[in-house]
Amino acid sequence: MTSLFDSAQFGKIPLKNRLVMAPMTRNRAKPCGGATELMAQYYAQRASAGLIITEGIQPSAVGQGFLNTPGLHHPEQVNSWRGVTDAVHAAGGSIVAQLMHAGRIGHPSLYAGAHQSVAPSAVTAAGQCFTPNGLADYSAPRELTTDEIAETVADFALAARNAIEAGFDGVEIHAGNGFLLHQFLAENTNHRTDAYGGPITNRIRFTLEVTEAVVTAIGNERTSMRLSPANPYNDIAEGDSEGIYGALVPALPELAFLEVCEIVTRPVTRTIRQAWGGNLILNPHMTPDSFPASAETARTVLEGGLTDAVSLGALFLANPDLPARIKAGSPFNVADEATFYGGDHRGYTDYTFLDQ
């Protein structure tokens, strides 16, 4: 029986245990998209995780969706991330960069160039975002041309190469949570009538092209992907989730791992587990009252064979030494939701360790 504390090798990415720090946006990057010394401290504090998956990192300027989120498309950004990866590796950890293009999620006031957000189709997302001038409705996106789709695929590949140059152990392509790749998958956001829209075989095309480009750029053993089946976040309505992932997952190339963020969709999780022959990481939420995922849930799904490792978000956010706490059966710090997004060290690097 696999234990939470067993080591593993996912492609070329070593895991010293099966407890993975889930990707979490924290909005503490420089305005230019560079990583900071405080970010290096934050990630290094959590290097006892079997693997760290970073917050979403935009692969291009147009891919940014939120204030003070980091990028990997400019040399200054690449150089800044080296401080983070060096700190994590010095502390004995492994870290992959999550590449996240926000698509229609964003607002022109967030960007120096005041550009319009892009999407598979010109469908505006319901909801609001934080801007320099306060809350504002999401702006109307512009439909990507086929040439721009090809350019976006190339952006992902370049960002992946930049991640390896910056010292990351690999990358995770974000294909969930209502961001660009997910927008191509979903019925309510993809109204295209060309080769990227309509039937499921067309709607999965962009995700497959991005994946193949990243694999070509850095190798399949350093490439991974995150999915969030049926997740309504960012005003997404997929349609036939079983059909989408039943088609997408078997068509993916071999990867270091596939991560599934489960949103009360255990049947789809089981479908993916059966269809995917490689390593699987699960962020488990079987029922509406299972948020955030707990250490006990992590143990249950791992020991039951549903996954090969478990990603946890809020617990790692508030407990930098989470594996030690779980092993010791010690109490957990409680996450301060008021400091999740933006700010300084408070609610970021000041959570206590057991020995404190």
Protein backbone atom coordinates (compact mmCIF):
# COMPACT_ATOMS: atom_id res chain seq x y z
CA MET A 1 0.00 0.00 0.00
CA THR A 2 1.38 3.41 -1.00
CA SER A 3 2.04 5.84 1.84
CA LEU A 4 1.92 9.64 1.80
CA PHE A 5 5.59 9.52 2.77
CA ASP A 6 6.85 7.22 0.01
CA SER A 7 9.18 8.80 -2.52
CA ALA A 8 8.47 8.68 -6.26
CA GLN A 9 9.86 9.62 -9.66
CA PHE A 10 7.42 11.28 -12.09
CA GLY A 11 9.30 11.45 -15.36
CA LYS A 12 12.47 13.40 -14.55
CA ILE A 13 10.81 15.06 -11.54
CA PRO A 14 11.73 13.56 -8.14
CA LEU A 15 9.19 13.54 -5.30
CA LYS A 16 10.47 12.83 -1.79
CA ASN A 17 6.88 12.17 -0.64
CA ARG A 18 3.40 12.05 -2.18
CA LEU A 19 2.22 15.38 -0.72
CA VAL A 20 2.16 17.99 -3.46
CA MET A 21 1.69 21.72 -2.93
CA ALA A 22 -1.16 22.71 -5.24
CA PRO A 23 -0.88 25.80 -7.45
CA MET A 24 -2.30 28.89 -5.73
CA THR A 25 -2.43 32.44 -7.05
CA ARG A 26 -1.05 34.83 -4.41
CA ASN A 27 -0.66 38.13 -6.37
CA ARG A 28 2.68 39.15 -4.89
CA ALA A 29 4.84 39.40 -8.01
CA LYS A 30 6.43 42.62 -9.23
CA PRO A 31 4.31 44.82 -11.53
CA CYS A 32 6.66 43.78 -14.37
CA GLY A 33 5.79 40.12 -13.73
CA GLY A 34 9.05 39.23 -12.01
CA ALA A 35 9.37 36.99 -8.97
CA THR A 36 10.53 38.56 -5.69
CA GLU A 37 12.77 37.61 -2.78
CA LEU A 38 9.62 37.23 -0.68
CA MET A 39 8.28 34.69 -3.20
CA ALA A 40 11.56 32.78 -2.97
CA GLN A 41 11.20 32.65 0.81
CA TYR A 42 7.56 31.53 0.55
CA TYR A 43 8.30 28.62 -1.77
CA ALA A 44 11.51 27.59 0.01
CA GLN A 45 9.62 27.41 3.31
CA ARG A 46 7.43 24.72 1.70
CA ALA A 47 10.23 22.70 0.14
CA SER A 48 9.41 19.69 2.34
CA ALA A 49 6.49 19.06 -0.03
CA GLY A 50 7.08 16.13 -2.34
CA LEU A 51 6.62 18.62 -5.17
CA ILE A 52 5.70 22.30 -5.40
CA ILE A 53 3.51 23.47 -8.28
CA THR A 54 3.73 27.24 -8.56
CA GLU A 55 1.00 29.79 -8.90
CA GLY A 56 -0.18 30.38 -12.47
CA ILE A 57 2.51 32.07 -14.59
CA GLN A 58 1.47 33.84 -17.79
CA PRO A 59 3.29 32.66 -20.94
CA SER A 60 2.74 36.02 -22.66
CA ALA A 61 1.70 39.57 -21.82
CA VAL A 62 -1.78 38.99 -23.23
CA GLY A 63 -2.10 35.87 -21.07
CA GLN A 64 -2.18 37.83 -17.81
CA GLY A 65 -5.51 37.84 -16.00
CA PHE A 66 -4.86 39.37 -12.59
CA LEU A 67 -2.89 42.07 -10.80
CA ASN A 68 0.68 41.27 -9.74
CA THR A 69 0.89 37.80 -11.23
CA PRO A 70 4.22 36.54 -12.58
CA GLY A 71 5.32 35.77 -16.12
CA LEU A 72 7.90 33.71 -17.99
CA HIS A 73 8.02 35.55 -21.30
CA HIS A 74 10.68 38.22 -20.68
CA PRO A 75 14.37 37.78 -19.77
CA GLU A 76 13.94 39.85 -16.59
CA GLN A 77 11.18 37.50 -15.44
CA VAL A 78 13.24 34.41 -16.27
CA ASN A 79 16.20 35.72 -14.26
CA SER A 80 13.98 36.58 -11.29
CA TRP A 81 12.63 33.02 -11.06
CA ARG A 82 16.16 31.66 -10.67
CA GLY A 83 16.15 33.04 -7.11
CA VAL A 84 13.03 30.98 -6.37
CA THR A 85 14.21 27.72 -7.89
CA ASP A 86 17.66 28.03 -6.31
CA ALA A 87 16.08 28.57 -2.89
CA VAL A 88 13.74 25.58 -3.24
CA HIS A 89 16.51 23.28 -4.48
CA ALA A 90 18.85 24.42 -1.70
CA ALA A 91 16.14 23.39 0.76
CA GLY A 92 15.87 19.95 -0.89
CA GLY A 93 12.66 20.50 -2.82
CA SER A 94 11.35 20.04 -6.36
CA ILE A 95 9.34 22.72 -8.16
CA VAL A 96 7.48 22.98 -11.47
CA ALA A 97 6.13 26.14 -13.10
CA GLN A 98 2.44 26.23 -13.89
CA LEU A 99 1.90 27.95 -17.25
CA MET A 100 -1.50 29.68 -17.24
CA HIS A 101 -3.00 31.81 -20.00
CA ALA A 102 -6.09 33.53 -18.55
CA GLY A 103 -7.83 34.03 -21.90
CA ARG A 104 -11.01 36.08 -21.51
CA ILE A 105 -10.42 36.55 -17.77
CA GLY A 106 -8.89 40.00 -17.32
CA HIS A 107 -9.31 43.72 -17.93
CA PRO A 108 -7.38 46.28 -20.06
CA SER A 109 -6.62 48.41 -16.99
CA LEU A 110 -4.37 45.62 -15.68
CA TYR A 111 -1.85 45.96 -18.49
CA ALA A 112 0.59 48.65 -19.50
CA GLY A 113 -0.52 48.23 -23.11
CA ALA A 114 -4.24 48.24 -22.19
CA HIS A 115 -4.76 45.34 -24.59
CA GLN A 116 -8.03 43.49 -25.03
CA SER A 117 -8.29 39.98 -23.60
CA VAL A 118 -8.52 37.10 -26.06
CA ALA A 119 -10.63 33.95 -26.12
CA PRO A 120 -11.78 31.17 -28.43
CA SER A 121 -14.93 33.24 -29.05
CA ALA A 122 -16.03 36.78 -28.22
CA VAL A 123 -18.07 35.73 -25.17
CA THR A 124 -17.71 37.92 -22.09
CA ALA A 125 -17.33 36.20 -18.72
CA ALA A 126 -19.81 36.97 -15.98
CA GLY A 127 -18.19 38.35 -12.85
CA GLN A 128 -15.68 40.98 -11.80
CA CYS A 129 -11.96 41.33 -11.27
CA PHE A 130 -9.75 43.53 -9.13
CA THR A 131 -8.17 46.38 -11.09
CA PRO A 132 -5.98 49.33 -10.06
CA ASN A 133 -9.23 51.29 -9.76
CA GLY A 134 -11.18 48.70 -7.80
CA LEU A 135 -13.65 46.03 -8.89
CA ALA A 136 -14.69 46.05 -12.54
CA ASP A 137 -16.73 43.77 -14.76
CA TYR A 138 -14.71 41.48 -16.99
CA SER A 139 -14.24 43.12 -20.36
CA ALA A 140 -15.36 41.69 -23.68
CA PRO A 141 -12.67 39.47 -25.22
CA ARG A 142 -11.59 39.31 -28.84
CA GLU A 143 -11.78 36.01 -30.73
CA LEU A 144 -8.38 34.59 -31.57
CA THR A 145 -7.60 34.14 -35.27
CA THR A 146 -6.09 30.84 -36.38
CA ASP A 147 -2.74 32.58 -36.83
CA GLU A 148 -2.96 33.91 -33.27
CA ILE A 149 -3.78 30.43 -32.00
CA ALA A 150 -0.53 29.21 -33.56
CA GLU A 151 1.32 32.14 -31.95
CA THR A 152 -0.20 31.25 -28.57
CA VAL A 153 0.96 27.66 -28.94
CA ALA A 154 4.45 29.00 -29.63
CA ASP A 155 4.21 31.25 -26.56
CA PHE A 156 3.62 28.22 -24.36
CA ALA A 157 6.60 26.42 -25.85
CA LEU A 158 8.87 29.43 -25.32
CA ALA A 159 7.65 29.87 -21.73
CA ALA A 160 8.39 26.20 -21.09
CA ARG A 161 11.95 26.62 -22.36
CA ASN A 162 12.26 29.73 -20.22
CA ALA A 163 11.10 27.75 -17.18
CA ILE A 164 13.84 25.18 -17.64
CA GLU A 165 16.37 27.99 -18.14
CA ALA A 166 15.13 29.49 -14.86
CA GLY A 167 15.88 26.23 -13.05
CA PHE A 168 12.43 24.65 -12.75
CA ASP A 169 12.22 20.85 -12.70
CA GLY A 170 9.39 20.96 -15.22
CA VAL A 171 6.17 22.73 -16.16
CA GLU A 172 2.47 22.17 -15.68
CA ILE A 173 0.13 23.33 -18.44
CA HIS A 174 -3.05 24.74 -16.88
CA ALA A 175 -6.05 23.42 -18.82
CA GLY A 176 -8.68 24.06 -16.16
CA ASN A 177 -10.36 26.63 -13.89
CA GLY A 178 -11.98 28.52 -16.74
CA PHE A 179 -8.77 29.83 -18.28
CA LEU A 180 -7.86 29.79 -21.98
CA LEU A 181 -7.40 26.07 -22.63
CA HIS A 182 -10.52 25.30 -20.60
CA GLN A 183 -12.39 27.96 -22.58
CA PHE A 184 -11.59 26.06 -25.78
CA LEU A 185 -12.87 22.83 -24.21
CA ALA A 186 -16.18 24.23 -22.94
CA GLU A 187 -19.39 24.60 -24.91
CA ASN A 188 -20.43 27.97 -23.49
CA THR A 189 -17.14 29.72 -24.32
CA ASN A 190 -16.23 28.06 -27.63
CA HIS A 191 -18.67 28.97 -30.42
CA ARG A 192 -16.14 28.58 -33.22
CA THR A 193 -17.08 26.93 -36.50
CA ASP A 194 -13.54 26.18 -37.68
CA ALA A 195 -11.18 23.31 -36.78
CA TYR A 196 -11.06 24.48 -33.14
CA GLY A 197 -14.81 24.53 -32.45
CA GLY A 198 -17.95 22.45 -32.68
CA PRO A 199 -17.52 18.75 -31.90
CA ILE A 200 -15.37 17.61 -28.99
CA THR A 201 -12.63 16.37 -31.32
CA ASN A 202 -12.19 19.96 -32.50
CA ARG A 203 -12.51 21.61 -29.08
CA ILE A 204 -9.66 19.53 -27.65
CA ARG A 205 -7.37 20.38 -30.59
CA PHE A 206 -5.83 23.54 -29.07
CA THR A 207 -5.00 21.80 -25.79
CA LEU A 208 -3.34 18.95 -27.67
CA GLU A 209 -1.35 21.38 -29.84
CA VAL A 210 -0.11 23.27 -26.78
CA THR A 211 0.89 20.02 -25.10
CA GLU A 212 2.74 18.69 -28.12
CA ALA A 213 4.60 22.01 -28.50
CA VAL A 214 5.70 22.00 -24.86
CA VAL A 215 6.75 18.36 -25.05
CA THR A 216 8.80 19.13 -28.15
CA ALA A 217 10.39 22.10 -26.36
CA ILE A 218 11.40 20.48 -23.06
CA GLY A 219 10.58 16.77 -23.25
CA ASN A 220 7.61 14.75 -22.08
CA GLU A 221 9.33 13.78 -18.82
CA ARG A 222 9.30 17.42 -17.68
CA THR A 223 5.79 18.25 -18.96
CA SER A 224 2.53 17.87 -17.05
CA MET A 225 -1.04 19.18 -17.16
CA ARG A 226 -3.79 20.26 -14.78
CA LEU A 227 -7.47 19.55 -15.52
CA SER A 228 -10.56 20.59 -13.54
CA PRO A 229 -13.49 18.69 -15.04
CA ALA A 230 -16.92 20.33 -14.74
CA ASN A 231 -15.48 23.20 -12.71
CA PRO A 232 -17.85 26.19 -13.18
CA TYR A 233 -15.21 28.68 -12.00
CA ASN A 234 -14.85 31.76 -14.23
CA ASP A 235 -18.31 31.23 -15.72
CA ILE A 236 -17.57 27.92 -17.45
CA ALA A 237 -20.20 25.39 -18.53
CA GLU A 238 -18.42 22.51 -20.24
CA GLY A 239 -21.33 20.45 -21.44
CA ASP A 240 -20.45 16.74 -21.74
CA SER A 241 -17.58 16.44 -19.25
CA GLU A 242 -17.36 12.65 -19.56
CA GLY A 243 -17.13 13.02 -23.33
CA ILE A 244 -14.57 15.84 -23.23
CA TYR A 245 -12.12 14.10 -20.90
CA GLY A 246 -12.86 10.69 -22.33
CA ALA A 247 -11.54 12.07 -25.63
CA LEU A 248 -8.81 14.40 -24.37
CA VAL A 249 -6.98 12.21 -21.86
CA PRO A 250 -6.26 9.21 -24.14
CA ALA A 251 -5.10 11.62 -26.86
CA LEU A 252 -2.47 13.27 -24.66
CA PRO A 253 1.16 12.27 -25.16
CA GLU A 254 3.09 10.62 -22.37
CA LEU A 255 3.66 13.16 -19.58
CA ALA A 256 5.47 13.30 -16.25
CA PHE A 257 2.06 13.48 -14.58
CA LEU A 258 -1.52 14.60 -14.95
CA GLU A 259 -3.09 16.61 -12.11
CA VAL A 260 -6.86 16.58 -11.62
CA CYS A 261 -8.59 19.23 -9.52
CA GLU A 262 -11.76 17.41 -8.52
CA ILE A 263 -14.90 19.54 -8.06
CA VAL A 264 -17.45 16.97 -6.77
CA THR A 265 -16.85 14.94 -9.92
CA ARG A 266 -15.62 11.56 -8.65
CA PRO A 267 -17.11 9.62 -11.62
CA VAL A 268 -15.07 11.77 -14.05
CA THR A 269 -12.01 11.30 -11.86
CA ARG A 270 -12.42 7.53 -12.14
CA THR A 271 -12.86 7.85 -15.93
CA ILE A 272 -9.59 9.79 -16.15
CA ARG A 273 -7.80 7.34 -13.86
CA GLN A 274 -8.82 4.45 -16.11
CA ALA A 275 -7.94 6.30 -19.32
CA TRP A 276 -4.59 7.67 -18.15
CA GLY A 277 -1.72 5.21 -18.04
CA GLY A 278 0.76 7.55 -16.38
CA ASN A 279 1.25 9.21 -13.00
CA LEU A 280 -1.80 10.97 -11.55
CA ILE A 281 -1.96 13.69 -8.90
CA LEU A 282 -5.40 14.36 -7.41
CA ASN A 283 -6.65 17.46 -5.62
CA PRO A 284 -9.57 15.58 -4.02
CA HIS A 285 -13.02 17.04 -3.38
CA MET A 286 -15.59 14.25 -3.62
CA THR A 287 -18.42 16.11 -1.85
CA PRO A 288 -19.48 19.76 -1.42
CA ASP A 289 -18.31 19.73 2.21
CA SER A 290 -14.81 18.46 1.37
CA PHE A 291 -13.29 21.88 0.65
CA PRO A 292 -10.45 22.45 1.36
CA ALA A 293 -8.99 18.99 0.91
CA SER A 294 -7.84 17.45 4.18
CA ALA A 295 -4.89 15.29 5.17
CA GLU A 296 -7.26 12.42 5.93
CA THR A 297 -8.83 12.68 2.48
CA ALA A 298 -5.34 12.66 0.98
CA ARG A 299 -4.50 9.46 2.80
CA THR A 300 -7.77 7.81 1.75
CA VAL A 301 -7.52 8.46 -1.99
CA LEU A 302 -3.83 7.53 -2.11
CA GLU A 303 -4.16 4.31 -0.15
CA GLY A 304 -7.27 3.43 -2.17
CA GLY A 305 -5.29 3.58 -5.42
CA LEU A 306 -7.28 6.43 -6.96
CA THR A 307 -4.12 8.52 -7.35
CA ASP A 308 -0.33 8.35 -7.15
CA ALA A 309 0.08 11.59 -5.17
CA VAL A 310 -2.21 14.22 -3.64
CA SER A 311 -2.12 17.98 -4.08
CA LEU A 312 -3.26 20.19 -1.20
CA GLY A 313 -3.75 23.93 -1.32
CA ALA A 314 -4.94 25.72 1.82
CA LEU A 315 -3.14 23.31 4.15
CA PHE A 316 0.21 24.04 2.47
CA LEU A 317 -0.55 27.76 2.37
CA ALA A 318 -0.95 27.91 6.16
CA ASN A 319 1.45 25.10 7.13
CA PRO A 320 4.87 25.41 5.50
CA ASP A 321 5.98 22.20 7.25
CA LEU A 322 2.81 20.28 6.37
CA PRO A 323 4.42 16.83 5.83
CA ALA A 324 6.00 16.98 9.30
CA ARG A 325 2.70 18.01 10.87
CA ILE A 326 0.82 15.18 9.17
CA LYS A 327 3.45 12.61 10.17
CA ALA A 328 3.42 13.84 13.78
CA GLY A 329 -0.36 14.10 13.98
CA SER A 330 0.05 17.71 15.06
CA PRO A 331 -2.58 20.45 14.76
CA PHE A 332 -2.64 22.66 11.69
CA ASN A 333 -2.42 26.43 11.34
CA VAL A 334 -5.63 27.94 9.95
CA ALA A 335 -5.35 29.87 6.70
CA ASP A 336 -6.20 33.58 6.83
CA GLU A 337 -8.45 34.16 3.81
CA ALA A 338 -8.10 37.94 4.07
CA THR A 339 -4.43 37.66 3.02
CA PHE A 340 -4.79 35.12 0.21
CA TYR A 341 -4.39 37.65 -2.62
CA GLY A 342 -1.84 40.46 -2.60
CA GLY A 343 -0.18 42.21 0.29
CA ASP A 344 3.12 41.70 2.07
CA HIS A 345 4.62 38.94 4.23
CA ARG A 346 1.54 38.75 6.45
CA GLY A 347 -0.42 35.62 5.69
CA TYR A 348 2.35 34.63 3.30
CA THR A 349 5.69 33.87 4.95
CA ASP A 350 4.77 34.36 8.62
CA TYR A 351 2.89 31.10 9.30
CA THR A 352 4.59 29.23 12.13
CA PHE A 353 6.52 25.96 11.98
CA LEU A 354 6.12 23.18 14.53
CA ASP A 355 9.46 23.99 16.16
CA GLN A 356 8.32 27.55 16.71
